[in-house]
Amino acid sequence: GLNRIAELVDLLVDRDIGAVFVESSVSDRNIRALIEGAAAKGHDVVIG
């Protein structure tokens, strides 16, 4: 849900996590939403 995405965006920013990972058998849609959400808060995250 949107709440879960927002919660993880805050976690990425607060803990200065710079890399997340996609999976070969799962859509990367949610991962890219995280990256975009973090970027909107001024925190750069890359796909590891």
ModelCIF file with pLDDT and N, C-alpha, C, O atoms, coordinates in Angstrom:
data_MODEL
#
_entry.id   MODEL 
#
_entity.id                         1 
_entity.type                       polymer 
_entity.pdbx_number_of_molecules   1 
#
_entity_poly.entity_id                      1 
_entity_poly.type                           'polypeptide(L)' 
_entity_poly.nstd_linkage                   no 
_entity_poly.nstd_monomer                   no 
_entity_poly.pdbx_seq_one_letter_code       GLNRIAELVDLLVDRDIGAVFVESSVSDRNIRALIEGAAAKGHDVVIG 
_entity_poly.pdbx_seq_one_letter_code_can   GLNRIAELVDLLVDRDIGAVFVESSVSDRNIRALIEGAAAKGHDVVIG 
_entity_poly.pdbx_strand_id                 A 
#
loop_
_entity_poly_seq.entity_id 
_entity_poly_seq.num 
_entity_poly_seq.mon_id 
_entity_poly_seq.hetero 
1 1  GLY n 
1 2  LEU n 
1 3  ASN n 
1 4  ARG n 
1 5  ILE n 
1 6  ALA n 
1 7  GLU n 
1 8  LEU n 
1 9  VAL n 
1 10 ASP n 
1 11 LEU n 
1 12 LEU n 
1 13 VAL n 
1 14 ASP n 
1 15 ARG n 
1 16 ASP n 
1 17 ILE n 
1 18 GLY n 
1 19 ALA n 
1 20 VAL n 
1 21 PHE n 
1 22 VAL n 
1 23 GLU n 
1 24 SER n 
1 25 SER n 
1 26 VAL n 
1 27 SER n 
1 28 ASP n 
1 29 ARG n 
1 30 ASN n 
1 31 ILE n 
1 32 ARG n 
1 33 ALA n 
1 34 LEU n 
1 35 ILE n 
1 36 GLU n 
1 37 GLY n 
1 38 ALA n 
1 39 ALA n 
1 40 ALA n 
1 41 LYS n 
1 42 GLY n 
1 43 HIS n 
1 44 ASP n 
1 45 VAL n 
1 46 VAL n 
1 47 ILE n 
1 48 GLY n 
#
_struct_asym.id          A 
_struct_asym.entity_id   1 
#
loop_
_ma_qa_metric.id 
_ma_qa_metric.mode 
_ma_qa_metric.name 
_ma_qa_metric.software_group_id 
_ma_qa_metric.type 
1 global pLDDT . pLDDT 
2 local  pLDDT . pLDDT 
#
_ma_qa_metric_global.metric_id      1 
_ma_qa_metric_global.metric_value   88.60 
_ma_qa_metric_global.model_id       1 
_ma_qa_metric_global.ordinal_id     1 
#
loop_
_ma_qa_metric_local.label_asym_id 
_ma_qa_metric_local.label_comp_id 
_ma_qa_metric_local.label_seq_id 
_ma_qa_metric_local.metric_id 
_ma_qa_metric_local.metric_value 
_ma_qa_metric_local.model_id 
_ma_qa_metric_local.ordinal_id 
A GLY 1  2 61.00 1 1  
A LEU 2  2 72.00 1 2  
A ASN 3  2 80.00 1 3  
A ARG 4  2 81.00 1 4  
A ILE 5  2 84.00 1 5  
A ALA 6  2 87.00 1 6  
A GLU 7  2 88.00 1 7  
A LEU 8  2 89.00 1 8  
A VAL 9  2 91.00 1 9  
A ASP 10 2 92.00 1 10 
A LEU 11 2 90.00 1 11 
A LEU 12 2 91.00 1 12 
A VAL 13 2 92.00 1 13 
A ASP 14 2 92.00 1 14 
A ARG 15 2 89.00 1 15 
A ASP 16 2 91.00 1 16 
A ILE 17 2 91.00 1 17 
A GLY 18 2 90.00 1 18 
A ALA 19 2 91.00 1 19 
A VAL 20 2 93.00 1 20 
A PHE 21 2 93.00 1 21 
A VAL 22 2 91.00 1 22 
A GLU 23 2 90.00 1 23 
A SER 24 2 85.00 1 24 
A SER 25 2 75.00 1 25 
A VAL 26 2 81.00 1 26 
A SER 27 2 79.00 1 27 
A ASP 28 2 85.00 1 28 
A ARG 29 2 84.00 1 29 
A ASN 30 2 86.00 1 30 
A ILE 31 2 89.00 1 31 
A ARG 32 2 89.00 1 32 
A ALA 33 2 88.00 1 33 
A LEU 34 2 89.00 1 34 
A ILE 35 2 92.00 1 35 
A GLU 36 2 93.00 1 36 
A GLY 37 2 93.00 1 37 
A ALA 38 2 93.00 1 38 
A ALA 39 2 95.00 1 39 
A ALA 40 2 95.00 1 40 
A LYS 41 2 95.00 1 41 
A GLY 42 2 96.00 1 42 
A HIS 43 2 94.00 1 43 
A ASP 44 2 94.00 1 44 
A VAL 45 2 93.00 1 45 
A VAL 46 2 93.00 1 46 
A ILE 47 2 94.00 1 47 
A GLY 48 2 94.00 1 48 
#
loop_
_atom_site.group_PDB 
_atom_site.id 
_atom_site.type_symbol 
_atom_site.label_atom_id 
_atom_site.label_alt_id 
_atom_site.label_comp_id 
_atom_site.label_asym_id 
_atom_site.label_entity_id 
_atom_site.label_seq_id 
_atom_site.pdbx_PDB_ins_code 
_atom_site.Cartn_x 
_atom_site.Cartn_y 
_atom_site.Cartn_z 
_atom_site.occupancy 
_atom_site.B_iso_or_equiv 
_atom_site.pdbx_formal_charge 
_atom_site.auth_seq_id 
_atom_site.auth_comp_id 
_atom_site.auth_asym_id 
_atom_site.auth_atom_id 
_atom_site.pdbx_PDB_model_num 
ATOM 1   N N  . GLY A 1 1  ? 0.810  -1.208  0.000   1.00 61.00 ? 1  GLY A N  1 
ATOM 2   C CA . GLY A 1 1  ? 0.000  0.000   0.000   1.00 61.00 ? 1  GLY A CA 1 
ATOM 3   C C  . GLY A 1 1  ? 0.844  1.259   0.000   1.00 61.00 ? 1  GLY A C  1 
ATOM 4   O O  . GLY A 1 1  ? 2.060  1.217   0.188   1.00 61.00 ? 1  GLY A O  1 
ATOM 5   N N  . LEU A 1 2  ? 0.177  2.372   -0.214  1.00 72.00 ? 2  LEU A N  1 
ATOM 6   C CA . LEU A 1 2  ? 0.873  3.659   -0.232  1.00 72.00 ? 2  LEU A CA 1 
ATOM 7   C C  . LEU A 1 2  ? 1.526  3.955   1.111   1.00 72.00 ? 2  LEU A C  1 
ATOM 8   O O  . LEU A 1 2  ? 2.603  4.550   1.162   1.00 72.00 ? 2  LEU A O  1 
ATOM 9   N N  . ASN A 1 3  ? 0.885  3.545   2.191   1.00 80.00 ? 3  ASN A N  1 
ATOM 10  C CA . ASN A 1 3  ? 1.454  3.785   3.518   1.00 80.00 ? 3  ASN A CA 1 
ATOM 11  C C  . ASN A 1 3  ? 2.769  3.041   3.691   1.00 80.00 ? 3  ASN A C  1 
ATOM 12  O O  . ASN A 1 3  ? 3.709  3.558   4.294   1.00 80.00 ? 3  ASN A O  1 
ATOM 13  N N  . ARG A 1 4  ? 2.831  1.812   3.154   1.00 81.00 ? 4  ARG A N  1 
ATOM 14  C CA . ARG A 1 4  ? 4.059  1.027   3.245   1.00 81.00 ? 4  ARG A CA 1 
ATOM 15  C C  . ARG A 1 4  ? 5.178  1.698   2.452   1.00 81.00 ? 4  ARG A C  1 
ATOM 16  O O  . ARG A 1 4  ? 6.314  1.772   2.919   1.00 81.00 ? 4  ARG A O  1 
ATOM 17  N N  . ILE A 1 5  ? 4.862  2.181   1.263   1.00 84.00 ? 5  ILE A N  1 
ATOM 18  C CA . ILE A 1 5  ? 5.860  2.878   0.444   1.00 84.00 ? 5  ILE A CA 1 
ATOM 19  C C  . ILE A 1 5  ? 6.376  4.115   1.178   1.00 84.00 ? 5  ILE A C  1 
ATOM 20  O O  . ILE A 1 5  ? 7.584  4.344   1.242   1.00 84.00 ? 5  ILE A O  1 
ATOM 21  N N  . ALA A 1 6  ? 5.457  4.913   1.733   1.00 87.00 ? 6  ALA A N  1 
ATOM 22  C CA . ALA A 1 6  ? 5.847  6.141   2.440   1.00 87.00 ? 6  ALA A CA 1 
ATOM 23  C C  . ALA A 1 6  ? 6.705  5.823   3.657   1.00 87.00 ? 6  ALA A C  1 
ATOM 24  O O  . ALA A 1 6  ? 7.667  6.529   3.956   1.00 87.00 ? 6  ALA A O  1 
ATOM 25  N N  . GLU A 1 7  ? 6.342  4.747   4.356   1.00 88.00 ? 7  GLU A N  1 
ATOM 26  C CA . GLU A 1 7  ? 7.106  4.333   5.545   1.00 88.00 ? 7  GLU A CA 1 
ATOM 27  C C  . GLU A 1 7  ? 8.537  3.968   5.176   1.00 88.00 ? 7  GLU A C  1 
ATOM 28  O O  . GLU A 1 7  ? 9.476  4.337   5.882   1.00 88.00 ? 7  GLU A O  1 
ATOM 29  N N  . LEU A 1 8  ? 8.709  3.238   4.064   1.00 89.00 ? 8  LEU A N  1 
ATOM 30  C CA . LEU A 1 8  ? 10.044 2.826   3.652   1.00 89.00 ? 8  LEU A CA 1 
ATOM 31  C C  . LEU A 1 8  ? 10.846 3.992   3.069   1.00 89.00 ? 8  LEU A C  1 
ATOM 32  O O  . LEU A 1 8  ? 12.069 4.024   3.207   1.00 89.00 ? 8  LEU A O  1 
ATOM 33  N N  . VAL A 1 9  ? 10.185 4.938   2.429   1.00 91.00 ? 9  VAL A N  1 
ATOM 34  C CA . VAL A 1 9  ? 10.891 6.141   1.956   1.00 91.00 ? 9  VAL A CA 1 
ATOM 35  C C  . VAL A 1 9  ? 11.489 6.881   3.148   1.00 91.00 ? 9  VAL A C  1 
ATOM 36  O O  . VAL A 1 9  ? 12.643 7.305   3.106   1.00 91.00 ? 9  VAL A O  1 
ATOM 37  N N  . ASP A 1 10 ? 10.701 7.034   4.210   1.00 92.00 ? 10 ASP A N  1 
ATOM 38  C CA . ASP A 1 10 ? 11.207 7.709   5.417   1.00 92.00 ? 10 ASP A CA 1 
ATOM 39  C C  . ASP A 1 10 ? 12.384 6.944   6.005   1.00 92.00 ? 10 ASP A C  1 
ATOM 40  O O  . ASP A 1 10 ? 13.346 7.548   6.481   1.00 92.00 ? 10 ASP A O  1 
ATOM 41  N N  . LEU A 1 11 ? 12.311 5.623   5.972   1.00 90.00 ? 11 LEU A N  1 
ATOM 42  C CA . LEU A 1 11 ? 13.400 4.805   6.514   1.00 90.00 ? 11 LEU A CA 1 
ATOM 43  C C  . LEU A 1 11 ? 14.677 5.011   5.696   1.00 90.00 ? 11 LEU A C  1 
ATOM 44  O O  . LEU A 1 11 ? 15.759 5.166   6.263   1.00 90.00 ? 11 LEU A O  1 
ATOM 45  N N  . LEU A 1 12 ? 14.554 5.012   4.368   1.00 91.00 ? 12 LEU A N  1 
ATOM 46  C CA . LEU A 1 12 ? 15.724 5.232   3.515   1.00 91.00 ? 12 LEU A CA 1 
ATOM 47  C C  . LEU A 1 12 ? 16.393 6.565   3.833   1.00 91.00 ? 12 LEU A C  1 
ATOM 48  O O  . LEU A 1 12 ? 17.618 6.653   3.920   1.00 91.00 ? 12 LEU A O  1 
ATOM 49  N N  . VAL A 1 13 ? 15.575 7.599   4.006   1.00 92.00 ? 13 VAL A N  1 
ATOM 50  C CA . VAL A 1 13 ? 16.105 8.941   4.276   1.00 92.00 ? 13 VAL A CA 1 
ATOM 51  C C  . VAL A 1 13 ? 16.706 9.013   5.673   1.00 92.00 ? 13 VAL A C  1 
ATOM 52  O O  . VAL A 1 13 ? 17.837 9.469   5.842   1.00 92.00 ? 13 VAL A O  1 
ATOM 53  N N  . ASP A 1 14 ? 15.954 8.564   6.675   1.00 92.00 ? 14 ASP A N  1 
ATOM 54  C CA . ASP A 1 14 ? 16.394 8.691   8.067   1.00 92.00 ? 14 ASP A CA 1 
ATOM 55  C C  . ASP A 1 14 ? 17.670 7.905   8.353   1.00 92.00 ? 14 ASP A C  1 
ATOM 56  O O  . ASP A 1 14 ? 18.510 8.343   9.140   1.00 92.00 ? 14 ASP A O  1 
ATOM 57  N N  . ARG A 1 15 ? 17.815 6.739   7.712   1.00 89.00 ? 15 ARG A N  1 
ATOM 58  C CA . ARG A 1 15 ? 18.961 5.882   7.994   1.00 89.00 ? 15 ARG A CA 1 
ATOM 59  C C  . ARG A 1 15 ? 20.046 6.007   6.932   1.00 89.00 ? 15 ARG A C  1 
ATOM 60  O O  . ARG A 1 15 ? 21.038 5.279   6.969   1.00 89.00 ? 15 ARG A O  1 
ATOM 61  N N  . ASP A 1 16 ? 19.865 6.921   5.991   1.00 91.00 ? 16 ASP A N  1 
ATOM 62  C CA . ASP A 1 16 ? 20.862 7.189   4.956   1.00 91.00 ? 16 ASP A CA 1 
ATOM 63  C C  . ASP A 1 16 ? 21.244 5.915   4.190   1.00 91.00 ? 16 ASP A C  1 
ATOM 64  O O  . ASP A 1 16 ? 22.422 5.645   3.956   1.00 91.00 ? 16 ASP A O  1 
ATOM 65  N N  . ILE A 1 17 ? 20.220 5.140   3.806   1.00 91.00 ? 17 ILE A N  1 
ATOM 66  C CA . ILE A 1 17 ? 20.430 3.934   3.015   1.00 91.00 ? 17 ILE A CA 1 
ATOM 67  C C  . ILE A 1 17 ? 20.513 4.324   1.552   1.00 91.00 ? 17 ILE A C  1 
ATOM 68  O O  . ILE A 1 17 ? 19.609 4.974   1.026   1.00 91.00 ? 17 ILE A O  1 
ATOM 69  N N  . GLY A 1 18 ? 21.593 3.931   0.894   1.00 90.00 ? 18 GLY A N  1 
ATOM 70  C CA . GLY A 1 18 ? 21.839 4.421   -0.454  1.00 90.00 ? 18 GLY A CA 1 
ATOM 71  C C  . GLY A 1 18 ? 21.595 3.434   -1.566  1.00 90.00 ? 18 GLY A C  1 
ATOM 72  O O  . GLY A 1 18 ? 21.730 3.795   -2.735  1.00 90.00 ? 18 GLY A O  1 
ATOM 73  N N  . ALA A 1 19 ? 21.232 2.173   -1.245  1.00 91.00 ? 19 ALA A N  1 
ATOM 74  C CA . ALA A 1 19 ? 21.045 1.174   -2.301  1.00 91.00 ? 19 ALA A CA 1 
ATOM 75  C C  . ALA A 1 19 ? 19.882 0.248   -1.951  1.00 91.00 ? 19 ALA A C  1 
ATOM 76  O O  . ALA A 1 19 ? 19.733 -0.186  -0.809  1.00 91.00 ? 19 ALA A O  1 
ATOM 77  N N  . VAL A 1 20 ? 19.074 -0.038  -2.950  1.00 93.00 ? 20 VAL A N  1 
ATOM 78  C CA . VAL A 1 20 ? 17.994 -1.023  -2.828  1.00 93.00 ? 20 VAL A CA 1 
ATOM 79  C C  . VAL A 1 20 ? 18.144 -2.003  -3.988  1.00 93.00 ? 20 VAL A C  1 
ATOM 80  O O  . VAL A 1 20 ? 18.926 -1.759  -4.907  1.00 93.00 ? 20 VAL A O  1 
ATOM 81  N N  . PHE A 1 21 ? 17.401 -3.108  -3.953  1.00 93.00 ? 21 PHE A N  1 
ATOM 82  C CA . PHE A 1 21 ? 17.634 -4.166  -4.933  1.00 93.00 ? 21 PHE A CA 1 
ATOM 83  C C  . PHE A 1 21 ? 16.326 -4.599  -5.591  1.00 93.00 ? 21 PHE A C  1 
ATOM 84  O O  . PHE A 1 21 ? 15.289 -4.717  -4.938  1.00 93.00 ? 21 PHE A O  1 
ATOM 85  N N  . VAL A 1 22 ? 16.403 -4.832  -6.906  1.00 91.00 ? 22 VAL A N  1 
ATOM 86  C CA . VAL A 1 22 ? 15.266 -5.382  -7.627  1.00 91.00 ? 22 VAL A CA 1 
ATOM 87  C C  . VAL A 1 22 ? 15.438 -6.902  -7.699  1.00 91.00 ? 22 VAL A C  1 
ATOM 88  O O  . VAL A 1 22 ? 16.510 -7.432  -7.409  1.00 91.00 ? 22 VAL A O  1 
ATOM 89  N N  . GLU A 1 23 ? 14.363 -7.593  -8.092  1.00 90.00 ? 23 GLU A N  1 
ATOM 90  C CA . GLU A 1 23 ? 14.384 -9.049  -8.184  1.00 90.00 ? 23 GLU A CA 1 
ATOM 91  C C  . GLU A 1 23 ? 13.993 -9.485  -9.582  1.00 90.00 ? 23 GLU A C  1 
ATOM 92  O O  . GLU A 1 23 ? 13.161 -8.853  -10.234 1.00 90.00 ? 23 GLU A O  1 
ATOM 93  N N  . SER A 1 24 ? 14.596 -10.567 -10.035 1.00 85.00 ? 24 SER A N  1 
ATOM 94  C CA . SER A 1 24 ? 14.388 -11.017 -11.409 1.00 85.00 ? 24 SER A CA 1 
ATOM 95  C C  . SER A 1 24 ? 12.968 -11.520 -11.655 1.00 85.00 ? 24 SER A C  1 
ATOM 96  O O  . SER A 1 24 ? 12.496 -11.499 -12.792 1.00 85.00 ? 24 SER A O  1 
ATOM 97  N N  . SER A 1 25 ? 12.281 -11.971 -10.605 1.00 75.00 ? 25 SER A N  1 
ATOM 98  C CA . SER A 1 25 ? 10.956 -12.563 -10.781 1.00 75.00 ? 25 SER A CA 1 
ATOM 99  C C  . SER A 1 25 ? 9.826  -11.686 -10.252 1.00 75.00 ? 25 SER A C  1 
ATOM 100 O O  . SER A 1 25 ? 8.680  -12.129 -10.178 1.00 75.00 ? 25 SER A O  1 
ATOM 101 N N  . VAL A 1 26 ? 10.145 -10.435 -9.881  1.00 81.00 ? 26 VAL A N  1 
ATOM 102 C CA . VAL A 1 26 ? 9.142  -9.529  -9.322  1.00 81.00 ? 26 VAL A CA 1 
ATOM 103 C C  . VAL A 1 26 ? 9.261  -8.175  -10.021 1.00 81.00 ? 26 VAL A C  1 
ATOM 104 O O  . VAL A 1 26 ? 10.368 -7.708  -10.293 1.00 81.00 ? 26 VAL A O  1 
ATOM 105 N N  . SER A 1 27 ? 8.131  -7.553  -10.309 1.00 79.00 ? 27 SER A N  1 
ATOM 106 C CA . SER A 1 27 ? 8.129  -6.230  -10.951 1.00 79.00 ? 27 SER A CA 1 
ATOM 107 C C  . SER A 1 27 ? 8.935  -5.231  -10.122 1.00 79.00 ? 27 SER A C  1 
ATOM 108 O O  . SER A 1 27 ? 8.923  -5.269  -8.891  1.00 79.00 ? 27 SER A O  1 
ATOM 109 N N  . ASP A 1 28 ? 9.637  -4.336  -10.824 1.00 85.00 ? 28 ASP A N  1 
ATOM 110 C CA . ASP A 1 28 ? 10.446 -3.323  -10.124 1.00 85.00 ? 28 ASP A CA 1 
ATOM 111 C C  . ASP A 1 28 ? 9.649  -2.042  -9.848  1.00 85.00 ? 28 ASP A C  1 
ATOM 112 O O  . ASP A 1 28 ? 10.221 -1.043  -9.411  1.00 85.00 ? 28 ASP A O  1 
ATOM 113 N N  . ARG A 1 29 ? 8.343  -2.064  -10.100 1.00 84.00 ? 29 ARG A N  1 
ATOM 114 C CA . ARG A 1 29 ? 7.512  -0.865  -9.958  1.00 84.00 ? 29 ARG A CA 1 
ATOM 115 C C  . ARG A 1 29 ? 7.613  -0.252  -8.570  1.00 84.00 ? 29 ARG A C  1 
ATOM 116 O O  . ARG A 1 29 ? 7.807  0.957   -8.440  1.00 84.00 ? 29 ARG A O  1 
ATOM 117 N N  . ASN A 1 30 ? 7.484  -1.076  -7.527  1.00 86.00 ? 30 ASN A N  1 
ATOM 118 C CA . ASN A 1 30 ? 7.506  -0.547  -6.162  1.00 86.00 ? 30 ASN A CA 1 
ATOM 119 C C  . ASN A 1 30 ? 8.888  -0.035  -5.764  1.00 86.00 ? 30 ASN A C  1 
ATOM 120 O O  . ASN A 1 30 ? 9.006  0.963   -5.053  1.00 86.00 ? 30 ASN A O  1 
ATOM 121 N N  . ILE A 1 31 ? 9.923  -0.720  -6.224  1.00 89.00 ? 31 ILE A N  1 
ATOM 122 C CA . ILE A 1 31 ? 11.286 -0.270  -5.928  1.00 89.00 ? 31 ILE A CA 1 
ATOM 123 C C  . ILE A 1 31 ? 11.530 1.106   -6.545  1.00 89.00 ? 31 ILE A C  1 
ATOM 124 O O  . ILE A 1 31 ? 12.124 1.977   -5.909  1.00 89.00 ? 31 ILE A O  1 
ATOM 125 N N  . ARG A 1 32 ? 11.079 1.298   -7.768  1.00 89.00 ? 32 ARG A N  1 
ATOM 126 C CA . ARG A 1 32 ? 11.279 2.599   -8.418  1.00 89.00 ? 32 ARG A CA 1 
ATOM 127 C C  . ARG A 1 32 ? 10.444 3.680   -7.744  1.00 89.00 ? 32 ARG A C  1 
ATOM 128 O O  . ARG A 1 32 ? 10.846 4.843   -7.722  1.00 89.00 ? 32 ARG A O  1 
ATOM 129 N N  . ALA A 1 33 ? 9.291  3.317   -7.196  1.00 88.00 ? 33 ALA A N  1 
ATOM 130 C CA . ALA A 1 33 ? 8.497  4.291   -6.439  1.00 88.00 ? 33 ALA A CA 1 
ATOM 131 C C  . ALA A 1 33 ? 9.253  4.734   -5.197  1.00 88.00 ? 33 ALA A C  1 
ATOM 132 O O  . ALA A 1 33 ? 9.191  5.904   -4.818  1.00 88.00 ? 33 ALA A O  1 
ATOM 133 N N  . LEU A 1 34 ? 9.971  3.806   -4.555  1.00 89.00 ? 34 LEU A N  1 
ATOM 134 C CA . LEU A 1 34 ? 10.794 4.151   -3.389  1.00 89.00 ? 34 LEU A CA 1 
ATOM 135 C C  . LEU A 1 34 ? 11.890 5.137   -3.764  1.00 89.00 ? 34 LEU A C  1 
ATOM 136 O O  . LEU A 1 34 ? 12.106 6.137   -3.080  1.00 89.00 ? 34 LEU A O  1 
ATOM 137 N N  . ILE A 1 35 ? 12.578 4.840   -4.860  1.00 92.00 ? 35 ILE A N  1 
ATOM 138 C CA . ILE A 1 35 ? 13.682 5.703   -5.294  1.00 92.00 ? 35 ILE A CA 1 
ATOM 139 C C  . ILE A 1 35 ? 13.174 7.108   -5.600  1.00 92.00 ? 35 ILE A C  1 
ATOM 140 O O  . ILE A 1 35 ? 13.800 8.096   -5.216  1.00 92.00 ? 35 ILE A O  1 
ATOM 141 N N  . GLU A 1 36 ? 12.037 7.196   -6.293  1.00 93.00 ? 36 GLU A N  1 
ATOM 142 C CA . GLU A 1 36 ? 11.468 8.498   -6.625  1.00 93.00 ? 36 GLU A CA 1 
ATOM 143 C C  . GLU A 1 36 ? 11.016 9.244   -5.370  1.00 93.00 ? 36 GLU A C  1 
ATOM 144 O O  . GLU A 1 36 ? 11.175 10.460  -5.267  1.00 93.00 ? 36 GLU A O  1 
ATOM 145 N N  . GLY A 1 37 ? 10.442 8.488   -4.403  1.00 93.00 ? 37 GLY A N  1 
ATOM 146 C CA . GLY A 1 37 ? 10.003 9.114   -3.164  1.00 93.00 ? 37 GLY A CA 1 
ATOM 147 C C  . GLY A 1 37 ? 11.165 9.667   -2.363  1.00 93.00 ? 37 GLY A C  1 
ATOM 148 O O  . GLY A 1 37 ? 11.073 10.750  -1.784  1.00 93.00 ? 37 GLY A O  1 
ATOM 149 N N  . ALA A 1 38 ? 12.268 8.913   -2.332  1.00 93.00 ? 38 ALA A N  1 
ATOM 150 C CA . ALA A 1 38 ? 13.450 9.384   -1.616  1.00 93.00 ? 38 ALA A CA 1 
ATOM 151 C C  . ALA A 1 38 ? 14.052 10.607  -2.315  1.00 93.00 ? 38 ALA A C  1 
ATOM 152 O O  . ALA A 1 38 ? 14.490 11.553  -1.659  1.00 93.00 ? 38 ALA A O  1 
ATOM 153 N N  . ALA A 1 39 ? 14.068 10.579  -3.647  1.00 95.00 ? 39 ALA A N  1 
ATOM 154 C CA . ALA A 1 39 ? 14.610 11.710  -4.408  1.00 95.00 ? 39 ALA A CA 1 
ATOM 155 C C  . ALA A 1 39 ? 13.817 12.983  -4.139  1.00 95.00 ? 39 ALA A C  1 
ATOM 156 O O  . ALA A 1 39 ? 14.376 14.078  -4.082  1.00 95.00 ? 39 ALA A O  1 
ATOM 157 N N  . ALA A 1 40 ? 12.496 12.820  -3.974  1.00 95.00 ? 40 ALA A N  1 
ATOM 158 C CA . ALA A 1 40 ? 11.650 13.992  -3.698  1.00 95.00 ? 40 ALA A CA 1 
ATOM 159 C C  . ALA A 1 40 ? 11.989 14.616  -2.356  1.00 95.00 ? 40 ALA A C  1 
ATOM 160 O O  . ALA A 1 40 ? 11.681 15.783  -2.116  1.00 95.00 ? 40 ALA A O  1 
ATOM 161 N N  . LYS A 1 41 ? 12.625 13.843  -1.476  1.00 95.00 ? 41 LYS A N  1 
ATOM 162 C CA . LYS A 1 41 ? 13.041 14.349  -0.172  1.00 95.00 ? 41 LYS A CA 1 
ATOM 163 C C  . LYS A 1 41 ? 14.528 14.678  -0.135  1.00 95.00 ? 41 LYS A C  1 
ATOM 164 O O  . LYS A 1 41 ? 15.103 14.888  0.933   1.00 95.00 ? 41 LYS A O  1 
ATOM 165 N N  . GLY A 1 42 ? 15.144 14.721  -1.319  1.00 96.00 ? 42 GLY A N  1 
ATOM 166 C CA . GLY A 1 42 ? 16.542 15.113  -1.403  1.00 96.00 ? 42 GLY A CA 1 
ATOM 167 C C  . GLY A 1 42 ? 17.539 14.021  -1.078  1.00 96.00 ? 42 GLY A C  1 
ATOM 168 O O  . GLY A 1 42 ? 18.702 14.312  -0.801  1.00 96.00 ? 42 GLY A O  1 
ATOM 169 N N  . HIS A 1 43 ? 17.102 12.747  -1.107  1.00 94.00 ? 43 HIS A N  1 
ATOM 170 C CA . HIS A 1 43 ? 18.004 11.633  -0.777  1.00 94.00 ? 43 HIS A CA 1 
ATOM 171 C C  . HIS A 1 43 ? 18.166 10.739  -1.994  1.00 94.00 ? 43 HIS A C  1 
ATOM 172 O O  . HIS A 1 43 ? 17.182 10.234  -2.532  1.00 94.00 ? 43 HIS A O  1 
ATOM 173 N N  . ASP A 1 44 ? 19.402 10.543  -2.429  1.00 94.00 ? 44 ASP A N  1 
ATOM 174 C CA . ASP A 1 44 ? 19.680 9.720   -3.604  1.00 94.00 ? 44 ASP A CA 1 
ATOM 175 C C  . ASP A 1 44 ? 19.808 8.244   -3.225  1.00 94.00 ? 44 ASP A C  1 
ATOM 176 O O  . ASP A 1 44 ? 20.563 7.872   -2.326  1.00 94.00 ? 44 ASP A O  1 
ATOM 177 N N  . VAL A 1 45 ? 19.055 7.431   -3.931  1.00 93.00 ? 45 VAL A N  1 
ATOM 178 C CA . VAL A 1 45 ? 19.117 5.980   -3.743  1.00 93.00 ? 45 VAL A CA 1 
ATOM 179 C C  . VAL A 1 45 ? 19.313 5.345   -5.111  1.00 93.00 ? 45 VAL A C  1 
ATOM 180 O O  . VAL A 1 45 ? 18.663 5.738   -6.079  1.00 93.00 ? 45 VAL A O  1 
ATOM 181 N N  . VAL A 1 46 ? 20.201 4.370   -5.196  1.00 93.00 ? 46 VAL A N  1 
ATOM 182 C CA . VAL A 1 46 ? 20.453 3.685   -6.459  1.00 93.00 ? 46 VAL A CA 1 
ATOM 183 C C  . VAL A 1 46 ? 19.996 2.236   -6.355  1.00 93.00 ? 46 VAL A C  1 
ATOM 184 O O  . VAL A 1 46 ? 19.827 1.702   -5.259  1.00 93.00 ? 46 VAL A O  1 
ATOM 185 N N  . ILE A 1 47 ? 19.801 1.613   -7.500  1.00 94.00 ? 47 ILE A N  1 
ATOM 186 C CA . ILE A 1 47 ? 19.535 0.172   -7.530  1.00 94.00 ? 47 ILE A CA 1 
ATOM 187 C C  . ILE A 1 47 ? 20.879 -0.540  -7.439  1.00 94.00 ? 47 ILE A C  1 
ATOM 188 O O  . ILE A 1 47 ? 21.730 -0.409  -8.319  1.00 94.00 ? 47 ILE A O  1 
ATOM 189 N N  . GLY A 1 48 ? 21.051 -1.293  -6.364  1.00 94.00 ? 48 GLY A N  1 
ATOM 190 C CA . GLY A 1 48 ? 22.321 -1.965  -6.126  1.00 94.00 ? 48 GLY A CA 1 
ATOM 191 C C  . GLY A 1 48 ? 22.562 -3.135  -7.051  1.00 94.00 ? 48 GLY A C  1 
ATOM 192 O O  . GLY A 1 48 ? 23.599 -3.792  -6.958  1.00 94.00 ? 48 GLY A O  1 
#
